[in-house]
Amino acid sequence: MRLIEKLKEFEQQYMFIRWATGGEYGKLVYAGDDFIEFDVINVDTMDYSETVFIQSPLILEVAIGGSDIARIIAEMSSKITLE
């Protein structure tokens, strides 16, 4: 199975992605055959800081779980209001 095929299962999830020129925490918006769309989160303010389009062959590492990811999910969940 190719990495991009596996990433399609995790669209709309929070994760850490490292690519050729950087690495950031954020939310995977879209995973396509030629690129992914990734909303980067500023971990200090928990706000989306930018949207990055990354060519699929440049992705080096993806972390979907772990304590840092759990903290980001908890912080983002606390901002959800029930109206």
Protein backbone atom coordinates (compact mmCIF):
# COMPACT_ATOMS: atom_id res chain seq x y z
CA MET A 1 0.00 0.00 0.00
CA ARG A 2 1.29 3.46 -0.86
CA LEU A 3 1.50 6.21 1.76
CA ILE A 4 -0.96 8.43 -0.08
CA GLU A 5 -3.56 5.64 -0.14
CA LYS A 6 -3.24 5.29 3.63
CA LEU A 7 -3.44 9.07 4.13
CA LYS A 8 -6.79 9.15 2.33
CA GLU A 9 -8.19 7.18 5.28
CA PHE A 10 -7.08 9.96 7.64
CA GLU A 11 -8.52 13.02 5.88
CA GLN A 12 -9.93 15.60 8.34
CA GLN A 13 -7.67 14.24 11.13
CA TYR A 14 -5.00 16.07 13.14
CA MET A 15 -1.43 14.87 12.67
CA PHE A 16 2.22 15.80 12.32
CA ILE A 17 3.68 15.73 8.82
CA ARG A 18 7.36 16.14 7.96
CA TRP A 19 8.21 16.88 4.35
CA ALA A 20 11.39 17.75 2.45
CA THR A 21 11.59 21.38 3.59
CA GLY A 22 9.75 21.38 6.93
CA GLY A 23 7.40 19.73 9.33
CA GLU A 24 4.27 20.96 11.11
CA TYR A 25 1.26 19.93 13.18
CA GLY A 26 -2.09 20.40 11.54
CA LYS A 27 -5.16 18.93 9.92
CA LEU A 28 -5.09 16.89 6.74
CA VAL A 29 -7.79 18.39 4.53
CA TYR A 30 -7.28 16.42 1.31
CA ALA A 31 -5.00 13.60 0.15
CA GLY A 32 -4.73 13.21 -3.62
CA ASP A 33 -2.41 11.27 -5.90
CA ASP A 34 -0.22 14.26 -6.71
CA PHE A 35 -0.52 16.50 -3.62
CA ILE A 36 -2.02 16.85 -0.15
CA GLU A 37 -3.73 19.89 1.35
CA PHE A 38 -2.68 20.49 4.94
CA ASP A 39 -3.90 23.21 7.34
CA VAL A 40 -0.99 24.11 9.62
CA ILE A 41 -1.77 24.86 13.28
CA ASN A 42 0.29 27.27 15.35
CA VAL A 43 0.81 25.15 18.48
CA ASP A 44 1.19 28.22 20.70
CA THR A 45 -2.13 29.85 19.81
CA MET A 46 -3.98 26.77 18.45
CA ASP A 47 -5.10 28.79 15.43
CA TYR A 48 -4.70 27.78 11.81
CA SER A 49 -1.75 29.74 10.49
CA GLU A 50 -1.63 28.66 6.84
CA THR A 51 -2.68 26.08 4.28
CA VAL A 52 0.11 24.13 2.61
CA PHE A 53 -0.05 22.07 -0.57
CA ILE A 54 2.64 19.39 -0.47
CA GLN A 55 3.61 17.16 -3.36
CA SER A 56 3.08 13.57 -2.29
CA PRO A 57 6.62 12.33 -3.10
CA LEU A 58 8.09 14.97 -0.71
CA ILE A 59 6.36 13.55 2.40
CA LEU A 60 8.94 11.92 4.68
CA GLU A 61 7.05 11.20 7.91
CA VAL A 62 3.51 11.19 9.26
CA ALA A 63 2.59 10.87 12.95
CA ILE A 64 -1.10 10.35 13.62
CA GLY A 65 -1.01 9.52 17.34
CA GLY A 66 1.04 10.43 20.37
CA SER A 67 0.93 12.84 23.27
CA ASP A 68 1.46 15.98 21.17
CA ILE A 69 -1.35 15.04 18.80
CA ALA A 70 -3.64 14.23 21.74
CA ARG A 71 -2.92 17.66 23.25
CA ILE A 72 -3.77 19.42 19.98
CA ILE A 73 -7.02 17.45 19.66
CA ALA A 74 -7.96 18.34 23.24
CA GLU A 75 -7.17 22.03 22.69
CA MET A 76 -9.14 22.18 19.44
CA SER A 77 -12.05 20.27 21.00
CA SER A 78 -12.24 22.74 23.88
CA LYS A 79 -12.89 25.52 21.36
CA ILE A 80 -16.01 23.77 20.02
CA THR A 81 -19.17 25.35 21.36
CA LEU A 82 -22.60 23.77 21.49
CA GLU A 83 -25.21 26.17 20.19
